[in-house]
Every structure is written in structure tokens, then in C-alpha cells.
Amino acid sequence: MSMMGFEEAYEYSILVRICSDPILDIKLPTLPGLVLMKLISWEEKYPERKLDADDILFIMNNYNRADVENRLYEDEIIDLLKESEFNIRKAGIQPSRQ
């Protein structure tokens, strides 16, 4: 198994507290980090790893549920996003529902 992408995913991972007594913290990959590892795995082990593509599509289809929009608008780029009338649904892969 290749370790390509693991260092980058770990570097940008998030710390999640699982338990407070005793303290138990674990690092989890961000969604982009997870997709990076899925892409590498899929490319290296295709066709055995066909489910990686399904996982990537699932993440892309549900990315907006991860509170991405609120975090984007809290950063210093808020003025630029508002000025350009940024729409996360249009920027994502989700098709419009008619």
C-alpha cells in the first residue's frame, strides 16, 4: 500500500476530542484530505478499488452539508465572496433541481 498523500492529509487534519475523562483526542483528515487519499488509492489499485470513486462522489455531493459555506463567510475573504456573488451550490457539482 502506498503512503502517498498521507503526510499531506495528516498535516492538515483536524483534532477531535472523543472523550474528556480520560482525554482522548484523535486526528481526522479534512474532506479534501480524504478525497486526496481516495484519488491516490483509486488510481493505484483500479479496478479493485472501484468504491473509492463512489466515496469521492458522495463527498462531493454532500460537501455543502459540512458547514463549508459558514466557514467561508467567516474568513477574511468575505468581502470578495460577497462582491462576486459567490454561490457554493453553483460552485459545487450538485445539479440544480427544477
PDB file of N, CA and C in Angstrom:
ATOM      1  N   MET A   1       0.844  -1.181   0.000  1.00  0.00           N
ATOM      2  CA  MET A   1       0.000   0.000   0.000  1.00  0.00           C
ATOM      3  C   MET A   1       0.890   1.244   0.000  1.00  0.00           C
ATOM      4  N   SER A   2       0.581   2.150  -0.873  1.00  0.00           N
ATOM      5  CA  SER A   2       1.336   3.393  -0.979  1.00  0.00           C
ATOM      6  C   SER A   2       0.962   4.340   0.162  1.00  0.00           C
ATOM      7  N   MET A   3       1.925   5.121   0.599  1.00  0.00           N
ATOM      8  CA  MET A   3       1.684   6.117   1.639  1.00  0.00           C
ATOM      9  C   MET A   3       1.581   7.521   1.047  1.00  0.00           C
ATOM     10  N   MET A   4       1.546   7.608  -0.280  1.00  0.00           N
ATOM     11  CA  MET A   4       1.452   8.901  -0.947  1.00  0.00           C
ATOM     12  C   MET A   4       0.168   9.626  -0.501  1.00  0.00           C
ATOM     13  N   GLY A   5       0.304  10.871  -0.122  1.00  0.00           N
ATOM     14  CA  GLY A   5      -0.831  11.690   0.292  1.00  0.00           C
ATOM     15  C   GLY A   5      -1.104  11.661   1.786  1.00  0.00           C
ATOM     16  N   PHE A   6      -0.586  10.652   2.498  1.00  0.00           N
ATOM     17  CA  PHE A   6      -0.856  10.546   3.930  1.00  0.00           C
ATOM     18  C   PHE A   6      -0.227  11.697   4.708  1.00  0.00           C
ATOM     19  N   GLU A   7       0.989  12.077   4.358  1.00  0.00           N
ATOM     20  CA  GLU A   7       1.662  13.158   5.078  1.00  0.00           C
ATOM     21  C   GLU A   7       0.897  14.471   4.930  1.00  0.00           C
ATOM     22  N   GLU A   8       0.445  14.752   3.711  1.00  0.00           N
ATOM     23  CA  GLU A   8      -0.318  15.988   3.465  1.00  0.00           C
ATOM     24  C   GLU A   8      -1.663  15.944   4.189  1.00  0.00           C
ATOM     25  N   ALA A   9      -2.330  14.802   4.135  1.00  0.00           N
ATOM     26  CA  ALA A   9      -3.621  14.676   4.817  1.00  0.00           C
ATOM     27  C   ALA A   9      -3.441  14.835   6.328  1.00  0.00           C
ATOM     28  N   TYR A  10      -2.372  14.276   6.876  1.00  0.00           N
ATOM     29  CA  TYR A  10      -2.109  14.382   8.310  1.00  0.00           C
ATOM     30  C   TYR A  10      -1.770  15.824   8.697  1.00  0.00           C
ATOM     31  N   GLU A  11      -0.970  16.472   7.877  1.00  0.00           N
ATOM     32  CA  GLU A  11      -0.546  17.849   8.175  1.00  0.00           C
ATOM     33  C   GLU A  11      -1.739  18.788   8.330  1.00  0.00           C
ATOM     34  N   TYR A  12      -2.770  18.591   7.533  1.00  0.00           N
ATOM     35  CA  TYR A  12      -3.938  19.478   7.559  1.00  0.00           C
ATOM     36  C   TYR A  12      -5.139  18.855   8.266  1.00  0.00           C
ATOM     37  N   SER A  13      -4.909  17.758   9.001  1.00  0.00           N
ATOM     38  CA  SER A  13      -6.004  17.081   9.691  1.00  0.00           C
ATOM     39  C   SER A  13      -6.530  17.940  10.840  1.00  0.00           C
ATOM     40  N   ILE A  14      -7.685  17.546  11.355  1.00  0.00           N
ATOM     41  CA  ILE A  14      -8.299  18.267  12.469  1.00  0.00           C
ATOM     42  C   ILE A  14      -8.287  17.378  13.708  1.00  0.00           C
ATOM     43  N   LEU A  15      -8.153  17.999  14.858  1.00  0.00           N
ATOM     44  CA  LEU A  15      -8.124  17.282  16.131  1.00  0.00           C
ATOM     45  C   LEU A  15      -9.537  17.208  16.685  1.00  0.00           C
ATOM     46  N   VAL A  16      -9.978  16.008  16.995  1.00  0.00           N
ATOM     47  CA  VAL A  16     -11.329  15.796  17.517  1.00  0.00           C
ATOM     48  C   VAL A  16     -11.226  15.111  18.875  1.00  0.00           C
ATOM     49  N   ARG A  17     -11.883  15.688  19.867  1.00  0.00           N
ATOM     50  CA  ARG A  17     -11.893  15.082  21.206  1.00  0.00           C
ATOM     51  C   ARG A  17     -13.014  14.048  21.260  1.00  0.00           C
ATOM     52  N   ILE A  18     -12.629  12.812  21.500  1.00  0.00           N
ATOM     53  CA  ILE A  18     -13.582  11.702  21.576  1.00  0.00           C
ATOM     54  C   ILE A  18     -14.111  11.543  23.000  1.00  0.00           C
ATOM     55  N   CYS A  19     -13.244  11.789  23.970  1.00  0.00           N
ATOM     56  CA  CYS A  19     -13.603  11.600  25.370  1.00  0.00           C
ATOM     57  C   CYS A  19     -12.869  12.651  26.206  1.00  0.00           C
ATOM     58  N   SER A  20     -13.541  13.146  27.255  1.00  0.00           N
ATOM     59  CA  SER A  20     -12.930  14.150  28.119  1.00  0.00           C
ATOM     60  C   SER A  20     -12.314  13.555  29.381  1.00  0.00           C
ATOM     61  N   ASP A  21     -12.790  12.397  29.808  1.00  0.00           N
ATOM     62  CA  ASP A  21     -12.265  11.797  31.031  1.00  0.00           C
ATOM     63  C   ASP A  21     -12.150  10.297  30.868  1.00  0.00           C
ATOM     64  N   PRO A  22     -11.019   9.779  30.548  1.00  0.00           N
ATOM     65  CA  PRO A  22      -9.756  10.461  30.297  1.00  0.00           C
ATOM     66  C   PRO A  22      -9.764  11.129  28.920  1.00  0.00           C
ATOM     67  N   ILE A  23      -8.905  12.106  28.749  1.00  0.00           N
ATOM     68  CA  ILE A  23      -8.841  12.827  27.484  1.00  0.00           C
ATOM     69  C   ILE A  23      -8.366  11.894  26.379  1.00  0.00           C
ATOM     70  N   LEU A  24      -9.140  11.868  25.305  1.00  0.00           N
ATOM     71  CA  LEU A  24      -8.790  11.072  24.137  1.00  0.00           C
ATOM     72  C   LEU A  24      -9.053  11.912  22.897  1.00  0.00           C
ATOM     73  N   ASP A  25      -7.982  12.368  22.268  1.00  0.00           N
ATOM     74  CA  ASP A  25      -8.060  13.165  21.051  1.00  0.00           C
ATOM     75  C   ASP A  25      -7.540  12.329  19.891  1.00  0.00           C
ATOM     76  N   ILE A  26      -8.194  12.454  18.738  1.00  0.00           N
ATOM     77  CA  ILE A  26      -7.705  11.787  17.527  1.00  0.00           C
ATOM     78  C   ILE A  26      -7.660  12.802  16.395  1.00  0.00           C
ATOM     79  N   LYS A  27      -6.793  12.548  15.436  1.00  0.00           N
ATOM     80  CA  LYS A  27      -6.706  13.418  14.262  1.00  0.00           C
ATOM     81  C   LYS A  27      -7.479  12.762  13.125  1.00  0.00           C
ATOM     82  N   LEU A  28      -8.314  13.542  12.474  1.00  0.00           N
ATOM     83  CA  LEU A  28      -9.102  13.069  11.344  1.00  0.00           C
ATOM     84  C   LEU A  28      -8.747  13.899  10.116  1.00  0.00           C
ATOM     85  N   PRO A  29      -8.733  13.267   8.940  1.00  0.00           N
ATOM     86  CA  PRO A  29      -8.435  14.049   7.740  1.00  0.00           C
ATOM     87  C   PRO A  29      -9.586  14.993   7.425  1.00  0.00           C
ATOM     88  N   THR A  30      -9.266  16.126   6.832  1.00  0.00           N
ATOM     89  CA  THR A  30     -10.302  17.016   6.322  1.00  0.00           C
ATOM     90  C   THR A  30     -10.941  16.317   5.121  1.00  0.00           C
ATOM     91  N   LEU A  31     -12.067  16.811   4.666  1.00  0.00           N
ATOM     92  CA  LEU A  31     -12.694  16.204   3.485  1.00  0.00           C
ATOM     93  C   LEU A  31     -11.779  16.282   2.258  1.00  0.00           C
ATOM     94  N   PRO A  32     -11.125  17.437   2.006  1.00  0.00           N
ATOM     95  CA  PRO A  32     -10.180  17.455   0.877  1.00  0.00           C
ATOM     96  C   PRO A  32      -9.038  16.449   1.060  1.00  0.00           C
ATOM     97  N   GLY A  33      -8.554  16.277   2.299  1.00  0.00           N
ATOM     98  CA  GLY A  33      -7.501  15.304   2.558  1.00  0.00           C
ATOM     99  C   GLY A  33      -7.963  13.881   2.308  1.00  0.00           C
ATOM    100  N   LEU A  34      -9.187  13.586   2.711  1.00  0.00           N
ATOM    101  CA  LEU A  34      -9.751  12.259   2.482  1.00  0.00           C
ATOM    102  C   LEU A  34      -9.919  11.990   0.986  1.00  0.00           C
ATOM    103  N   VAL A  35     -10.395  13.001   0.249  1.00  0.00           N
ATOM    104  CA  VAL A  35     -10.545  12.839  -1.197  1.00  0.00           C
ATOM    105  C   VAL A  35      -9.188  12.620  -1.861  1.00  0.00           C
ATOM    106  N   LEU A  36      -8.172  13.341  -1.395  1.00  0.00           N
ATOM    107  CA  LEU A  36      -6.820  13.148  -1.929  1.00  0.00           C
ATOM    108  C   LEU A  36      -6.386  11.694  -1.771  1.00  0.00           C
ATOM    109  N   MET A  37      -6.561  11.134  -0.577  1.00  0.00           N
ATOM    110  CA  MET A  37      -6.162   9.748  -0.353  1.00  0.00           C
ATOM    111  C   MET A  37      -7.012   8.775  -1.164  1.00  0.00           C
ATOM    112  N   LYS A  38      -8.295   9.061  -1.319  1.00  0.00           N
ATOM    113  CA  LYS A  38      -9.179   8.216  -2.130  1.00  0.00           C
ATOM    114  C   LYS A  38      -8.750   8.239  -3.596  1.00  0.00           C
ATOM    115  N   LEU A  39      -8.393   9.429  -4.112  1.00  0.00           N
ATOM    116  CA  LEU A  39      -7.943   9.523  -5.504  1.00  0.00           C
ATOM    117  C   LEU A  39      -6.671   8.714  -5.738  1.00  0.00           C
ATOM    118  N   ILE A  40      -5.746   8.814  -4.817  1.00  0.00           N
ATOM    119  CA  ILE A  40      -4.486   8.071  -4.939  1.00  0.00           C
ATOM    120  C   ILE A  40      -4.747   6.572  -4.872  1.00  0.00           C
ATOM    121  N   SER A  41      -5.562   6.154  -3.922  1.00  0.00           N
ATOM    122  CA  SER A  41      -5.884   4.738  -3.776  1.00  0.00           C
ATOM    123  C   SER A  41      -6.570   4.201  -5.026  1.00  0.00           C
ATOM    124  N   TRP A  42      -7.519   4.964  -5.541  1.00  0.00           N
ATOM    125  CA  TRP A  42      -8.271   4.553  -6.731  1.00  0.00           C
ATOM    126  C   TRP A  42      -7.333   4.417  -7.924  1.00  0.00           C
ATOM    127  N   GLU A  43      -6.453   5.399  -8.084  1.00  0.00           N
ATOM    128  CA  GLU A  43      -5.528   5.363  -9.221  1.00  0.00           C
ATOM    129  C   GLU A  43      -4.549   4.195  -9.104  1.00  0.00           C
ATOM    130  N   GLU A  44      -4.083   3.916  -7.910  1.00  0.00           N
ATOM    131  CA  GLU A  44      -3.085   2.866  -7.726  1.00  0.00           C
ATOM    132  C   GLU A  44      -3.656   1.457  -7.782  1.00  0.00           C
ATOM    133  N   LYS A  45      -4.911   1.287  -7.394  1.00  0.00           N
ATOM    134  CA  LYS A  45      -5.476  -0.060  -7.272  1.00  0.00           C
ATOM    135  C   LYS A  45      -6.701  -0.317  -8.153  1.00  0.00           C
ATOM    136  N   TYR A  46      -6.923   0.520  -9.151  1.00  0.00           N
ATOM    137  CA  TYR A  46      -8.060   0.283 -10.042  1.00  0.00           C
ATOM    138  C   TYR A  46      -7.792  -0.994 -10.829  1.00  0.00           C
ATOM    139  N   PRO A  47      -8.728  -1.874 -11.037  1.00  0.00           N
ATOM    140  CA  PRO A  47     -10.166  -1.800 -10.756  1.00  0.00           C
ATOM    141  C   PRO A  47     -10.588  -2.375  -9.408  1.00  0.00           C
ATOM    142  N   GLU A  48      -9.640  -2.866  -8.614  1.00  0.00           N
ATOM    143  CA  GLU A  48     -10.013  -3.454  -7.320  1.00  0.00           C
ATOM    144  C   GLU A  48     -10.650  -2.440  -6.377  1.00  0.00           C
ATOM    145  N   ARG A  49     -10.328  -1.171  -6.521  1.00  0.00           N
ATOM    146  CA  ARG A  49     -10.802  -0.135  -5.592  1.00  0.00           C
ATOM    147  C   ARG A  49     -11.864   0.756  -6.236  1.00  0.00           C
ATOM    148  N   LYS A  50     -12.807   0.156  -6.930  1.00  0.00           N
ATOM    149  CA  LYS A  50     -13.855   0.930  -7.610  1.00  0.00           C
ATOM    150  C   LYS A  50     -14.706   1.750  -6.635  1.00  0.00           C
ATOM    151  N   LEU A  51     -14.831   1.296  -5.396  1.00  0.00           N
ATOM    152  CA  LEU A  51     -15.657   2.020  -4.428  1.00  0.00           C
ATOM    153  C   LEU A  51     -15.071   3.369  -4.035  1.00  0.00           C
ATOM    154  N   ASP A  52     -13.782   3.565  -4.270  1.00  0.00           N
ATOM    155  CA  ASP A  52     -13.192   4.877  -3.983  1.00  0.00           C
ATOM    156  C   ASP A  52     -13.884   5.970  -4.795  1.00  0.00           C
ATOM    157  N   ALA A  53     -14.213   5.684  -6.042  1.00  0.00           N
ATOM    158  CA  ALA A  53     -14.910   6.665  -6.885  1.00  0.00           C
ATOM    159  C   ALA A  53     -16.286   6.982  -6.312  1.00  0.00           C
ATOM    160  N   ASP A  54     -16.983   5.964  -5.809  1.00  0.00           N
ATOM    161  CA  ASP A  54     -18.285   6.197  -5.177  1.00  0.00           C
ATOM    162  C   ASP A  54     -18.142   7.073  -3.936  1.00  0.00           C
ATOM    163  N   ASP A  55     -17.094   6.806  -3.147  1.00  0.00           N
ATOM    164  CA  ASP A  55     -16.854   7.607  -1.944  1.00  0.00           C
ATOM    165  C   ASP A  55     -16.564   9.066  -2.300  1.00  0.00           C
ATOM    166  N   ILE A  56     -15.764   9.280  -3.333  1.00  0.00           N
ATOM    167  CA  ILE A  56     -15.425  10.642  -3.773  1.00  0.00           C
ATOM    168  C   ILE A  56     -16.681  11.366  -4.232  1.00  0.00           C
ATOM    169  N   LEU A  57     -17.512  10.692  -5.008  1.00  0.00           N
ATOM    170  CA  LEU A  57     -18.759  11.304  -5.475  1.00  0.00           C
ATOM    171  C   LEU A  57     -19.667  11.636  -4.297  1.00  0.00           C
ATOM    172  N   PHE A  58     -19.742  10.756  -3.315  1.00  0.00           N
ATOM    173  CA  PHE A  58     -20.557  11.016  -2.128  1.00  0.00           C
ATOM    174  C   PHE A  58     -20.079  12.274  -1.407  1.00  0.00           C
ATOM    175  N   ILE A  59     -18.777  12.383  -1.214  1.00  0.00           N
ATOM    176  CA  ILE A  59     -18.220  13.568  -0.541  1.00  0.00           C
ATOM    177  C   ILE A  59     -18.531  14.829  -1.346  1.00  0.00           C
ATOM    178  N   MET A  60     -18.364  14.770  -2.654  1.00  0.00           N
ATOM    179  CA  MET A  60     -18.634  15.943  -3.491  1.00  0.00           C
ATOM    180  C   MET A  60     -20.106  16.333  -3.453  1.00  0.00           C
ATOM    181  N   ASN A  61     -20.984  15.350  -3.477  1.00  0.00           N
ATOM    182  CA  ASN A  61     -22.421  15.629  -3.458  1.00  0.00           C
ATOM    183  C   ASN A  61     -22.899  16.173  -2.120  1.00  0.00           C
ATOM    184  N   ASN A  62     -22.171  15.884  -1.054  1.00  0.00           N
ATOM    185  CA  ASN A  62     -22.607  16.279   0.287  1.00  0.00           C
ATOM    186  C   ASN A  62     -21.688  17.292   0.949  1.00  0.00           C
ATOM    187  N   TYR A  63     -20.753  17.841   0.195  1.00  0.00           N
ATOM    188  CA  TYR A  63     -19.763  18.769   0.750  1.00  0.00           C
ATOM    189  C   TYR A  63     -20.410  19.981   1.408  1.00  0.00           C
ATOM    190  N   ASN A  64     -21.474  20.475   0.831  1.00  0.00           N
ATOM    191  CA  ASN A  64     -22.123  21.673   1.382  1.00  0.00           C
ATOM    192  C   ASN A  64     -22.770  21.399   2.738  1.00  0.00           C
ATOM    193  N   ARG A  65     -22.987  20.151   3.094  1.00  0.00           N
ATOM    194  CA  ARG A  65     -23.551  19.810   4.409  1.00  0.00           C
ATOM    195  C   ARG A  65     -22.506  19.883   5.521  1.00  0.00           C
ATOM    196  N   ALA A  66     -21.261  20.074   5.163  1.00  0.00           N
ATOM    197  CA  ALA A  66     -20.171  20.106   6.142  1.00  0.00           C
ATOM    198  C   ALA A  66     -19.914  21.512   6.667  1.00  0.00           C
ATOM    199  N   ASP A  67     -20.891  22.395   6.569  1.00  0.00           N
ATOM    200  CA  ASP A  67     -20.800  23.759   7.086  1.00  0.00           C
ATOM    201  C   ASP A  67     -19.692  24.567   6.402  1.00  0.00           C
ATOM    202  N   VAL A  68     -19.418  24.235   5.162  1.00  0.00           N
ATOM    203  CA  VAL A  68     -18.367  24.913   4.409  1.00  0.00           C
ATOM    204  C   VAL A  68     -18.733  26.371   4.157  1.00  0.00           C
ATOM    205  N   GLU A  69     -19.974  26.610   3.815  1.00  0.00           N
ATOM    206  CA  GLU A  69     -20.400  27.973   3.484  1.00  0.00           C
ATOM    207  C   GLU A  69     -20.203  28.920   4.662  1.00  0.00           C
ATOM    208  N   ASN A  70     -20.583  28.495   5.864  1.00  0.00           N
ATOM    209  CA  ASN A  70     -20.419  29.358   7.039  1.00  0.00           C
ATOM    210  C   ASN A  70     -18.954  29.639   7.321  1.00  0.00           C
ATOM    211  N   ARG A  71     -18.092  28.629   7.154  1.00  0.00           N
ATOM    212  CA  ARG A  71     -16.669  28.843   7.401  1.00  0.00           C
ATOM    213  C   ARG A  71     -16.072  29.754   6.345  1.00  0.00           C
ATOM    214  N   LEU A  72     -16.534  29.661   5.116  1.00  0.00           N
ATOM    215  CA  LEU A  72     -16.027  30.546   4.068  1.00  0.00           C
ATOM    216  C   LEU A  72     -16.357  31.995   4.389  1.00  0.00           C
ATOM    217  N   TYR A  73     -17.573  32.249   4.809  1.00  0.00           N
ATOM    218  CA  TYR A  73     -18.012  33.609   5.047  1.00  0.00           C
ATOM    219  C   TYR A  73     -17.505  34.180   6.365  1.00  0.00           C
ATOM    220  N   GLU A  74     -16.868  33.363   7.202  1.00  0.00           N
ATOM    221  CA  GLU A  74     -16.282  33.871   8.438  1.00  0.00           C
ATOM    222  C   GLU A  74     -14.850  34.352   8.215  1.00  0.00           C
ATOM    223  N   ASP A  75     -14.217  33.922   7.157  1.00  0.00           N
ATOM    224  CA  ASP A  75     -12.818  34.268   6.897  1.00  0.00           C
ATOM    225  C   ASP A  75     -12.694  35.686   6.343  1.00  0.00           C
ATOM    226  N   GLU A  76     -11.450  36.098   6.170  1.00  0.00           N
ATOM    227  CA  GLU A  76     -11.182  37.455   5.687  1.00  0.00           C
ATOM    228  C   GLU A  76     -11.592  37.677   4.230  1.00  0.00           C
ATOM    229  N   ILE A  77     -11.985  36.627   3.536  1.00  0.00           N
ATOM    230  CA  ILE A  77     -12.360  36.773   2.124  1.00  0.00           C
ATOM    231  C   ILE A  77     -13.844  37.076   1.940  1.00  0.00           C
ATOM    232  N   ILE A  78     -14.542  37.324   3.035  1.00  0.00           N
ATOM    233  CA  ILE A  78     -15.983  37.541   2.961  1.00  0.00           C
ATOM    234  C   ILE A  78     -16.361  38.653   1.981  1.00  0.00           C
ATOM    235  N   ASP A  79     -15.637  39.757   1.994  1.00  0.00           N
ATOM    236  CA  ASP A  79     -15.968  40.871   1.093  1.00  0.00           C
ATOM    237  C   ASP A  79     -15.830  40.460  -0.365  1.00  0.00           C
ATOM    238  N   LEU A  80     -14.769  39.738  -0.686  1.00  0.00           N
ATOM    239  CA  LEU A  80     -14.557  39.273  -2.052  1.00  0.00           C
ATOM    240  C   LEU A  80     -15.659  38.304  -2.478  1.00  0.00           C
ATOM    241  N   LEU A  81     -16.032  37.380  -1.602  1.00  0.00           N
ATOM    242  CA  LEU A  81     -17.085  36.423  -1.924  1.00  0.00           C
ATOM    243  C   LEU A  81     -18.423  37.127  -2.150  1.00  0.00           C
ATOM    244  N   LYS A  82     -18.737  38.067  -1.287  1.00  0.00           N
ATOM    245  CA  LYS A  82     -19.995  38.803  -1.449  1.00  0.00           C
ATOM    246  C   LYS A  82     -19.970  39.652  -2.715  1.00  0.00           C
ATOM    247  N   GLU A  83     -18.842  40.279  -2.982  1.00  0.00           N
ATOM    248  CA  GLU A  83     -18.712  41.134  -4.165  1.00  0.00           C
ATOM    249  C   GLU A  83     -18.916  40.334  -5.454  1.00  0.00           C
ATOM    250  N   SER A  84     -18.404  39.122  -5.479  1.00  0.00           N
ATOM    251  CA  SER A  84     -18.523  38.297  -6.684  1.00  0.00           C
ATOM    252  C   SER A  84     -19.794  37.457  -6.681  1.00  0.00           C
ATOM    253  N   GLU A  85     -20.652  37.677  -5.664  1.00  0.00           N
ATOM    254  CA  GLU A  85     -21.913  36.949  -5.523  1.00  0.00           C
ATOM    255  C   GLU A  85     -21.684  35.438  -5.564  1.00  0.00           C
ATOM    256  N   PHE A  86     -20.680  34.997  -4.802  1.00  0.00           N
ATOM    257  CA  PHE A  86     -20.313  33.589  -4.744  1.00  0.00           C
ATOM    258  C   PHE A  86     -21.482  32.748  -4.256  1.00  0.00           C
ATOM    259  N   ASN A  87     -21.734  31.642  -4.942  1.00  0.00           N
ATOM    260  CA  ASN A  87     -22.796  30.714  -4.574  1.00  0.00           C
ATOM    261  C   ASN A  87     -22.187  29.321  -4.503  1.00  0.00           C
ATOM    262  N   ILE A  88     -22.133  28.764  -3.296  1.00  0.00           N
ATOM    263  CA  ILE A  88     -21.468  27.475  -3.109  1.00  0.00           C
ATOM    264  C   ILE A  88     -22.152  26.355  -3.884  1.00  0.00           C
ATOM    265  N   ARG A  89     -23.460  26.436  -4.057  1.00  0.00           N
ATOM    266  CA  ARG A  89     -24.163  25.389  -4.805  1.00  0.00           C
ATOM    267  C   ARG A  89     -23.821  25.441  -6.299  1.00  0.00           C
ATOM    268  N   LYS A  90     -23.670  26.650  -6.829  1.00  0.00           N
ATOM    269  CA  LYS A  90     -23.276  26.779  -8.227  1.00  0.00           C
ATOM    270  C   LYS A  90     -21.825  26.361  -8.427  1.00  0.00           C
ATOM    271  N   ALA A  91     -20.985  26.601  -7.408  1.00  0.00           N
ATOM    272  CA  ALA A  91     -19.576  26.262  -7.497  1.00  0.00           C
ATOM    273  C   ALA A  91     -19.329  24.766  -7.326  1.00  0.00           C
ATOM    274  N   GLY A  92     -20.267  24.067  -6.681  1.00  0.00           N
ATOM    275  CA  GLY A  92     -20.126  22.631  -6.454  1.00  0.00           C
ATOM    276  C   GLY A  92     -20.613  21.832  -7.640  1.00  0.00           C
ATOM    277  N   ILE A  93     -20.693  20.525  -7.423  1.00  0.00           N
ATOM    278  CA  ILE A  93     -21.112  19.664  -8.528  1.00  0.00           C
ATOM    279  C   ILE A  93     -22.590  19.359  -8.524  1.00  0.00           C
ATOM    280  N   GLN A  94     -23.302  19.799  -7.487  1.00  0.00           N
ATOM    281  CA  GLN A  94     -24.702  19.445  -7.400  1.00  0.00           C
ATOM    282  C   GLN A  94     -25.499  20.113  -8.515  1.00  0.00           C
ATOM    283  N   PRO A  95     -26.269  19.312  -9.251  1.00  0.00           N
ATOM    284  CA  PRO A  95     -27.100  19.904 -10.307  1.00  0.00           C
ATOM    285  C   PRO A  95     -28.255  20.684  -9.676  1.00  0.00           C
ATOM    286  N   SER A  96     -28.714  21.689 -10.378  1.00  0.00           N
ATOM    287  CA  SER A  96     -29.846  22.446  -9.873  1.00  0.00           C
ATOM    288  C   SER A  96     -31.102  21.604  -9.986  1.00  0.00           C
ATOM    289  N   ARG A  97     -32.006  21.761  -9.054  1.00  0.00           N
ATOM    290  CA  ARG A  97     -33.262  20.999  -9.057  1.00  0.00           C
ATOM    291  C   ARG A  97     -34.346  21.879  -9.651  1.00  0.00           C
ATOM    292  N   GLN A  98     -35.019  21.341 -10.624  1.00  0.00           N
ATOM    293  CA  GLN A  98     -36.049  22.133 -11.296  1.00  0.00           C
ATOM    294  C   GLN A  98     -37.410  21.543 -11.071  1.00  0.00           C
TER     295      GLN A  98
END
